[in-house]
PDB file of N, CA and C in Angstrom:
ATOM      1  N   MET A   1       0.885  -1.158   0.012  1.00  0.00           N
ATOM      2  CA  MET A   1       0.012   0.013  -0.052  1.00  0.00           C
ATOM      3  C   MET A   1       0.882   1.202  -0.019  1.00  0.00           C
ATOM      4  N   LYS A   2       0.557   2.147  -0.889  1.00  0.00           N
ATOM      5  CA  LYS A   2       1.383   3.378  -0.992  1.00  0.00           C
ATOM      6  C   LYS A   2       0.637   4.511  -0.283  1.00  0.00           C
ATOM      7  N   THR A   3       1.440   5.431   0.257  1.00  0.00           N
ATOM      8  CA  THR A   3       0.915   6.582   0.942  1.00  0.00           C
ATOM      9  C   THR A   3       1.451   7.825   0.258  1.00  0.00           C
ATOM     10  N   VAL A   4       0.548   8.790   0.067  1.00  0.00           N
ATOM     11  CA  VAL A   4       0.988  10.060  -0.596  1.00  0.00           C
ATOM     12  C   VAL A   4       0.251  11.252   0.102  1.00  0.00           C
ATOM     13  N   GLY A   5       1.012  12.320   0.202  1.00  0.00           N
ATOM     14  CA  GLY A   5       0.437  13.542   0.807  1.00  0.00           C
ATOM     15  C   GLY A   5      -0.449  14.227  -0.227  1.00  0.00           C
ATOM     16  N   LEU A   6      -1.613  14.705   0.167  1.00  0.00           N
ATOM     17  CA  LEU A   6      -2.521  15.466  -0.687  1.00  0.00           C
ATOM     18  C   LEU A   6      -1.845  16.623  -1.359  1.00  0.00           C
ATOM     19  N   GLU A   7      -0.904  17.284  -0.656  1.00  0.00           N
ATOM     20  CA  GLU A   7      -0.254  18.415  -1.221  1.00  0.00           C
ATOM     21  C   GLU A   7       0.720  18.097  -2.338  1.00  0.00           C
ATOM     22  N   GLN A   8       1.153  16.759  -2.369  1.00  0.00           N
ATOM     23  CA  GLN A   8       2.136  16.401  -3.337  1.00  0.00           C
ATOM     24  C   GLN A   8       1.545  15.619  -4.535  1.00  0.00           C
ATOM     25  N   THR A   9       0.221  15.575  -4.683  1.00  0.00           N
ATOM     26  CA  THR A   9      -0.338  14.743  -5.754  1.00  0.00           C
ATOM     27  C   THR A   9      -1.545  15.426  -6.429  1.00  0.00           C
ATOM     28  N   SER A  10      -1.993  14.758  -7.489  1.00  0.00           N
ATOM     29  CA  SER A  10      -3.158  15.217  -8.228  1.00  0.00           C
ATOM     30  C   SER A  10      -4.163  14.052  -8.323  1.00  0.00           C
ATOM     31  N   LEU A  11      -5.371  14.279  -8.639  1.00  0.00           N
ATOM     32  CA  LEU A  11      -6.382  13.212  -8.780  1.00  0.00           C
ATOM     33  C   LEU A  11      -5.940  12.340  -9.859  1.00  0.00           C
ATOM     34  N   ASP A  12      -5.457  12.782 -10.964  1.00  0.00           N
ATOM     35  CA  ASP A  12      -4.986  11.953 -12.085  1.00  0.00           C
ATOM     36  C   ASP A  12      -3.878  11.034 -11.579  1.00  0.00           C
ATOM     37  N   SER A  13      -2.922  11.517 -10.818  1.00  0.00           N
ATOM     38  CA  SER A  13      -1.838  10.719 -10.319  1.00  0.00           C
ATOM     39  C   SER A  13      -2.300   9.640  -9.379  1.00  0.00           C
ATOM     40  N   CYS A  14      -3.314   9.971  -8.560  1.00  0.00           N
ATOM     41  CA  CYS A  14      -3.837   8.998  -7.619  1.00  0.00           C
ATOM     42  C   CYS A  14      -4.572   7.907  -8.319  1.00  0.00           C
ATOM     43  N   VAL A  15      -5.285   8.209  -9.341  1.00  0.00           N
ATOM     44  CA  VAL A  15      -6.019   7.180 -10.114  1.00  0.00           C
ATOM     45  C   VAL A  15      -5.030   6.228 -10.808  1.00  0.00           C
ATOM     46  N   ILE A  16      -4.001   6.761 -11.366  1.00  0.00           N
ATOM     47  CA  ILE A  16      -2.945   5.990 -11.989  1.00  0.00           C
ATOM     48  C   ILE A  16      -2.313   5.041 -11.033  1.00  0.00           C
ATOM     49  N   ASP A  17      -1.932   5.587  -9.822  1.00  0.00           N
ATOM     50  CA  ASP A  17      -1.239   4.776  -8.777  1.00  0.00           C
ATOM     51  C   ASP A  17      -2.159   3.725  -8.264  1.00  0.00           C
ATOM     52  N   ALA A  18      -3.503   4.024  -8.153  1.00  0.00           N
ATOM     53  CA  ALA A  18      -4.480   3.096  -7.482  1.00  0.00           C
ATOM     54  C   ALA A  18      -4.763   1.913  -8.447  1.00  0.00           C
ATOM     55  N   GLN A  19      -4.431   1.994  -9.727  1.00  0.00           N
ATOM     56  CA  GLN A  19      -4.563   0.880 -10.594  1.00  0.00           C
ATOM     57  C   GLN A  19      -3.531  -0.207 -10.256  1.00  0.00           C
ATOM     58  N   GLN A  20      -2.468   0.145  -9.576  1.00  0.00           N
ATOM     59  CA  GLN A  20      -1.364  -0.787  -9.242  1.00  0.00           C
ATOM     60  C   GLN A  20      -1.479  -1.288  -7.801  1.00  0.00           C
ATOM     61  N   GLU A  21      -1.884  -0.410  -6.928  1.00  0.00           N
ATOM     62  CA  GLU A  21      -1.946  -0.785  -5.490  1.00  0.00           C
ATOM     63  C   GLU A  21      -2.853   0.230  -4.775  1.00  0.00           C
ATOM     64  N   ARG A  22      -3.370  -0.174  -3.602  1.00  0.00           N
ATOM     65  CA  ARG A  22      -4.160   0.754  -2.806  1.00  0.00           C
ATOM     66  C   ARG A  22      -3.358   1.959  -2.433  1.00  0.00           C
ATOM     67  N   LEU A  23      -4.026   3.092  -2.364  1.00  0.00           N
ATOM     68  CA  LEU A  23      -3.323   4.362  -2.154  1.00  0.00           C
ATOM     69  C   LEU A  23      -3.983   5.060  -0.958  1.00  0.00           C
ATOM     70  N   VAL A  24      -3.252   5.354   0.073  1.00  0.00           N
ATOM     71  CA  VAL A  24      -3.678   6.115   1.158  1.00  0.00           C
ATOM     72  C   VAL A  24      -3.268   7.652   0.952  1.00  0.00           C
ATOM     73  N   VAL A  25      -4.227   8.498   0.954  1.00  0.00           N
ATOM     74  CA  VAL A  25      -3.929   9.893   0.761  1.00  0.00           C
ATOM     75  C   VAL A  25      -3.985  10.588   2.138  1.00  0.00           C
ATOM     76  N   THR A  26      -2.962  11.350   2.493  1.00  0.00           N
ATOM     77  CA  THR A  26      -2.881  12.006   3.766  1.00  0.00           C
ATOM     78  C   THR A  26      -2.937  13.540   3.624  1.00  0.00           C
ATOM     79  N   ARG A  27      -3.427  14.174   4.668  1.00  0.00           N
ATOM     80  CA  ARG A  27      -3.445  15.645   4.781  1.00  0.00           C
ATOM     81  C   ARG A  27      -2.740  15.990   6.111  1.00  0.00           C
ATOM     82  N   GLU A  28      -1.638  16.689   6.029  1.00  0.00           N
ATOM     83  CA  GLU A  28      -0.881  17.024   7.261  1.00  0.00           C
ATOM     84  C   GLU A  28      -0.506  15.782   7.975  1.00  0.00           C
ATOM     85  N   GLY A  29      -0.136  14.736   7.279  1.00  0.00           N
ATOM     86  CA  GLY A  29       0.298  13.495   7.867  1.00  0.00           C
ATOM     87  C   GLY A  29      -0.772  12.564   8.358  1.00  0.00           C
ATOM     88  N   LYS A  30      -2.033  12.917   8.263  1.00  0.00           N
ATOM     89  CA  LYS A  30      -3.121  12.099   8.715  1.00  0.00           C
ATOM     90  C   LYS A  30      -3.879  11.535   7.552  1.00  0.00           C
ATOM     91  N   PRO A  31      -4.239  10.197   7.569  1.00  0.00           N
ATOM     92  CA  PRO A  31      -4.998   9.584   6.484  1.00  0.00           C
ATOM     93  C   PRO A  31      -6.350  10.243   6.324  1.00  0.00           C
ATOM     94  N   VAL A  32      -6.723  10.601   5.083  1.00  0.00           N
ATOM     95  CA  VAL A  32      -7.973  11.274   4.793  1.00  0.00           C
ATOM     96  C   VAL A  32      -8.801  10.488   3.689  1.00  0.00           C
ATOM     97  N   ALA A  33      -8.095   9.624   2.944  1.00  0.00           N
ATOM     98  CA  ALA A  33      -8.777   8.872   1.851  1.00  0.00           C
ATOM     99  C   ALA A  33      -8.055   7.663   1.518  1.00  0.00           C
ATOM    100  N   LEU A  34      -8.770   6.638   1.058  1.00  0.00           N
ATOM    101  CA  LEU A  34      -8.205   5.418   0.524  1.00  0.00           C
ATOM    102  C   LEU A  34      -8.713   5.310  -0.942  1.00  0.00           C
ATOM    103  N   VAL A  35      -7.822   5.195  -1.867  1.00  0.00           N
ATOM    104  CA  VAL A  35      -8.173   5.138  -3.272  1.00  0.00           C
ATOM    105  C   VAL A  35      -7.833   3.716  -3.741  1.00  0.00           C
ATOM    106  N   ILE A  36      -8.837   3.059  -4.311  1.00  0.00           N
ATOM    107  CA  ILE A  36      -8.699   1.687  -4.759  1.00  0.00           C
ATOM    108  C   ILE A  36      -9.112   1.642  -6.254  1.00  0.00           C
ATOM    109  N   GLY A  37      -8.251   1.215  -7.070  1.00  0.00           N
ATOM    110  CA  GLY A  37      -8.588   1.074  -8.532  1.00  0.00           C
ATOM    111  C   GLY A  37      -9.467  -0.114  -8.751  1.00  0.00           C
ATOM    112  N   ILE A  38     -10.295  -0.071  -9.765  1.00  0.00           N
ATOM    113  CA  ILE A  38     -11.163  -1.123 -10.173  1.00  0.00           C
ATOM    114  C   ILE A  38     -10.993  -1.389 -11.658  1.00  0.00           C
ATOM    115  N   ASN A  39     -11.429  -2.559 -12.088  1.00  0.00           N
ATOM    116  CA  ASN A  39     -11.486  -2.876 -13.490  1.00  0.00           C
ATOM    117  C   ASN A  39     -12.930  -3.019 -13.936  1.00  0.00           C
ATOM    118  N   ALA A  40     -13.142  -3.259 -15.181  1.00  0.00           N
ATOM    119  CA  ALA A  40     -14.502  -3.365 -15.764  1.00  0.00           C
ATOM    120  C   ALA A  40     -15.312  -4.527 -15.120  1.00  0.00           C
ATOM    121  N   GLU A  41     -14.648  -5.646 -14.895  1.00  0.00           N
ATOM    122  CA  GLU A  41     -15.354  -6.774 -14.273  1.00  0.00           C
ATOM    123  C   GLU A  41     -15.828  -6.437 -12.851  1.00  0.00           C
ATOM    124  N   GLN A  42     -14.960  -5.757 -12.080  1.00  0.00           N
ATOM    125  CA  GLN A  42     -15.336  -5.367 -10.762  1.00  0.00           C
ATOM    126  C   GLN A  42     -16.492  -4.380 -10.733  1.00  0.00           C
ATOM    127  N   LEU A  43     -16.459  -3.480 -11.668  1.00  0.00           N
ATOM    128  CA  LEU A  43     -17.518  -2.515 -11.774  1.00  0.00           C
ATOM    129  C   LEU A  43     -18.851  -3.222 -12.156  1.00  0.00           C
ATOM    130  N   GLU A  44     -18.804  -4.129 -13.070  1.00  0.00           N
ATOM    131  CA  GLU A  44     -19.998  -4.891 -13.472  1.00  0.00           C
ATOM    132  C   GLU A  44     -20.584  -5.637 -12.288  1.00  0.00           C
ATOM    133  N   TYR A  45     -19.744  -6.367 -11.537  1.00  0.00           N
ATOM    134  CA  TYR A  45     -20.261  -7.076 -10.341  1.00  0.00           C
ATOM    135  C   TYR A  45     -20.823  -6.150  -9.298  1.00  0.00           C
ATOM    136  N   SER A  46     -20.162  -4.963  -9.092  1.00  0.00           N
ATOM    137  CA  SER A  46     -20.632  -4.126  -8.045  1.00  0.00           C
ATOM    138  C   SER A  46     -21.994  -3.530  -8.317  1.00  0.00           C
ATOM    139  N   THR A  47     -22.466  -3.526  -9.523  1.00  0.00           N
ATOM    140  CA  THR A  47     -23.803  -3.002  -9.835  1.00  0.00           C
ATOM    141  C   THR A  47     -24.808  -4.081 -10.281  1.00  0.00           C
ATOM    142  N   ASP A  48     -24.432  -5.356 -10.104  1.00  0.00           N
ATOM    143  CA  ASP A  48     -25.262  -6.454 -10.484  1.00  0.00           C
ATOM    144  C   ASP A  48     -26.108  -6.955  -9.321  1.00  0.00           C
ATOM    145  N   ASP A  49     -27.437  -6.826  -9.423  1.00  0.00           N
ATOM    146  CA  ASP A  49     -28.365  -7.256  -8.359  1.00  0.00           C
ATOM    147  C   ASP A  49     -28.237  -8.700  -8.061  1.00  0.00           C
ATOM    148  N   VAL A  50     -28.104  -9.580  -9.120  1.00  0.00           N
ATOM    149  CA  VAL A  50     -28.013 -11.025  -8.953  1.00  0.00           C
ATOM    150  C   VAL A  50     -26.747 -11.325  -8.091  1.00  0.00           C
ATOM    151  N   PHE A  51     -25.655 -10.663  -8.389  1.00  0.00           N
ATOM    152  CA  PHE A  51     -24.431 -10.917  -7.653  1.00  0.00           C
ATOM    153  C   PHE A  51     -24.636 -10.560  -6.201  1.00  0.00           C
ATOM    154  N   TRP A  52     -25.268  -9.428  -5.853  1.00  0.00           N
ATOM    155  CA  TRP A  52     -25.420  -9.014  -4.437  1.00  0.00           C
ATOM    156  C   TRP A  52     -26.430  -9.917  -3.759  1.00  0.00           C
ATOM    157  N   LYS A  53     -27.420 -10.467  -4.449  1.00  0.00           N
ATOM    158  CA  LYS A  53     -28.378 -11.405  -3.869  1.00  0.00           C
ATOM    159  C   LYS A  53     -27.607 -12.721  -3.483  1.00  0.00           C
ATOM    160  N   LEU A  54     -26.695 -13.100  -4.343  1.00  0.00           N
ATOM    161  CA  LEU A  54     -25.874 -14.248  -4.074  1.00  0.00           C
ATOM    162  C   LEU A  54     -24.992 -14.059  -2.852  1.00  0.00           C
ATOM    163  N   ILE A  55     -24.401 -12.889  -2.722  1.00  0.00           N
ATOM    164  CA  ILE A  55     -23.576 -12.515  -1.587  1.00  0.00           C
ATOM    165  C   ILE A  55     -24.442 -12.473  -0.306  1.00  0.00           C
ATOM    166  N   GLU A  56     -25.611 -11.893  -0.406  1.00  0.00           N
ATOM    167  CA  GLU A  56     -26.484 -11.783   0.769  1.00  0.00           C
ATOM    168  C   GLU A  56     -26.837 -13.227   1.228  1.00  0.00           C
ATOM    169  N   GLY A  57     -27.224 -14.140   0.262  1.00  0.00           N
ATOM    170  CA  GLY A  57     -27.532 -15.484   0.666  1.00  0.00           C
ATOM    171  C   GLY A  57     -26.367 -16.223   1.298  1.00  0.00           C
ATOM    172  N   ARG A  58     -25.152 -15.972   0.741  1.00  0.00           N
ATOM    173  CA  ARG A  58     -23.971 -16.651   1.294  1.00  0.00           C
ATOM    174  C   ARG A  58     -23.702 -16.151   2.708  1.00  0.00           C
ATOM    175  N   ARG A  59     -23.942 -14.912   2.997  1.00  0.00           N
ATOM    176  CA  ARG A  59     -23.679 -14.347   4.333  1.00  0.00           C
ATOM    177  C   ARG A  59     -24.614 -14.967   5.368  1.00  0.00           C
ATOM    178  N   LYS A  60     -25.770 -15.461   4.933  1.00  0.00           N
ATOM    179  CA  LYS A  60     -26.751 -16.088   5.900  1.00  0.00           C
ATOM    180  C   LYS A  60     -26.466 -17.532   6.179  1.00  0.00           C
ATOM    181  N   GLU A  61     -25.537 -18.125   5.426  1.00  0.00           N
ATOM    182  CA  GLU A  61     -25.147 -19.512   5.600  1.00  0.00           C
ATOM    183  C   GLU A  61     -24.297 -19.643   6.855  1.00  0.00           C
ATOM    184  N   GLU A  62     -24.253 -20.865   7.436  1.00  0.00           N
ATOM    185  CA  GLU A  62     -23.500 -21.197   8.596  1.00  0.00           C
ATOM    186  C   GLU A  62     -22.027 -21.029   8.234  1.00  0.00           C
ATOM    187  N   THR A  63     -21.284 -20.563   9.194  1.00  0.00           N
ATOM    188  CA  THR A  63     -19.808 -20.377   8.956  1.00  0.00           C
ATOM    189  C   THR A  63     -19.026 -21.149  10.031  1.00  0.00           C
ATOM    190  N   VAL A  64     -17.724 -21.286   9.825  1.00  0.00           N
ATOM    191  CA  VAL A  64     -16.835 -21.827  10.847  1.00  0.00           C
ATOM    192  C   VAL A  64     -15.801 -20.851  11.159  1.00  0.00           C
ATOM    193  N   SER A  65     -15.282 -20.984  12.438  1.00  0.00           N
ATOM    194  CA  SER A  65     -14.210 -20.026  12.874  1.00  0.00           C
ATOM    195  C   SER A  65     -12.885 -20.396  12.159  1.00  0.00           C
ATOM    196  N   ARG A  66     -11.999 -19.519  12.270  1.00  0.00           N
ATOM    197  CA  ARG A  66     -10.654 -19.808  11.679  1.00  0.00           C
ATOM    198  C   ARG A  66     -10.003 -20.997  12.343  1.00  0.00           C
ATOM    199  N   ASN A  67     -10.144 -21.096  13.648  1.00  0.00           N
ATOM    200  CA  ASN A  67      -9.628 -22.247  14.377  1.00  0.00           C
ATOM    201  C   ASN A  67     -10.189 -23.573  13.869  1.00  0.00           C
ATOM    202  N   GLU A  68     -11.554 -23.588  13.722  1.00  0.00           N
ATOM    203  CA  GLU A  68     -12.235 -24.738  13.159  1.00  0.00           C
ATOM    204  C   GLU A  68     -11.765 -25.134  11.762  1.00  0.00           C
ATOM    205  N   LEU A  69     -11.547 -24.104  10.946  1.00  0.00           N
ATOM    206  CA  LEU A  69     -11.118 -24.301   9.602  1.00  0.00           C
ATOM    207  C   LEU A  69      -9.713 -24.920   9.594  1.00  0.00           C
ATOM    208  N   GLU A  70      -8.874 -24.341  10.435  1.00  0.00           N
ATOM    209  CA  GLU A  70      -7.449 -24.841  10.468  1.00  0.00           C
ATOM    210  C   GLU A  70      -7.419 -26.322  10.929  1.00  0.00           C
ATOM    211  N   LYS A  71      -8.285 -26.663  11.891  1.00  0.00           N
ATOM    212  CA  LYS A  71      -8.369 -28.068  12.318  1.00  0.00           C
ATOM    213  C   LYS A  71      -8.877 -28.968  11.203  1.00  0.00           C
ATOM    214  N   LEU A  72      -9.864 -28.490  10.437  1.00  0.00           N
ATOM    215  CA  LEU A  72     -10.345 -29.253   9.319  1.00  0.00           C
ATOM    216  C   LEU A  72      -9.253 -29.482   8.291  1.00  0.00           C
ATOM    217  N   ILE A  73      -8.532 -28.457   7.984  1.00  0.00           N
ATOM    218  CA  ILE A  73      -7.389 -28.630   7.040  1.00  0.00           C
ATOM    219  C   ILE A  73      -6.351 -29.568   7.561  1.00  0.00           C
ATOM    220  N   GLU A  74      -6.031 -29.532   8.819  1.00  0.00           N
ATOM    221  CA  GLU A  74      -5.004 -30.393   9.380  1.00  0.00           C
ATOM    222  C   GLU A  74      -5.465 -31.850   9.307  1.00  0.00           C
ATOM    223  N   THR A  75      -6.757 -32.138   9.495  1.00  0.00           N
ATOM    224  CA  THR A  75      -7.237 -33.459   9.552  1.00  0.00           C
ATOM    225  C   THR A  75      -7.669 -34.052   8.256  1.00  0.00           C
ATOM    226  N   THR A  76      -7.712 -33.216   7.194  1.00  0.00           N
ATOM    227  CA  THR A  76      -8.166 -33.748   5.921  1.00  0.00           C
ATOM    228  C   THR A  76      -6.952 -34.170   5.134  1.00  0.00           C
ATOM    229  N   PRO A  77      -6.900 -35.470   4.728  1.00  0.00           N
ATOM    230  CA  PRO A  77      -5.776 -35.946   3.983  1.00  0.00           C
ATOM    231  C   PRO A  77      -5.718 -35.272   2.564  1.00  0.00           C
ATOM    232  N   PRO A  78      -4.501 -35.092   2.071  1.00  0.00           N
ATOM    233  CA  PRO A  78      -4.382 -34.394   0.751  1.00  0.00           C
ATOM    234  C   PRO A  78      -4.862 -35.379  -0.292  1.00  0.00           C
ATOM    235  N   GLU A  79      -5.429 -34.822  -1.378  1.00  0.00           N
ATOM    236  CA  GLU A  79      -5.931 -35.595  -2.475  1.00  0.00           C
ATOM    237  C   GLU A  79      -4.739 -36.070  -3.347  1.00  0.00           C
ATOM    238  N   THR A  80      -4.821 -37.281  -3.834  1.00  0.00           N
ATOM    239  CA  THR A  80      -3.726 -37.725  -4.775  1.00  0.00           C
ATOM    240  C   THR A  80      -4.362 -37.923  -6.129  1.00  0.00           C
ATOM    241  N   SER A  81      -3.507 -37.651  -7.132  1.00  0.00           N
ATOM    242  CA  SER A  81      -4.005 -37.723  -8.524  1.00  0.00           C
ATOM    243  C   SER A  81      -3.768 -39.093  -9.107  1.00  0.00           C
TER     244      SER A  81
END
């Protein structure tokens, strides 16, 4: 993640940088914005009602804790081809 002072940048420069990595913009040394680049596919999903209904349904499903997941991984034998 890159950090840049608001006084030393432009919007155009922030957009270019955000295409490569997340960009924290600061004012007087304090974070004031996070700029994250997106691509066409991300934009399409972010505005797709079907996608968000899928996400909403998934969030309602039962989950496991990280510890439970790690135990499952440890006890599951690896697949062989």
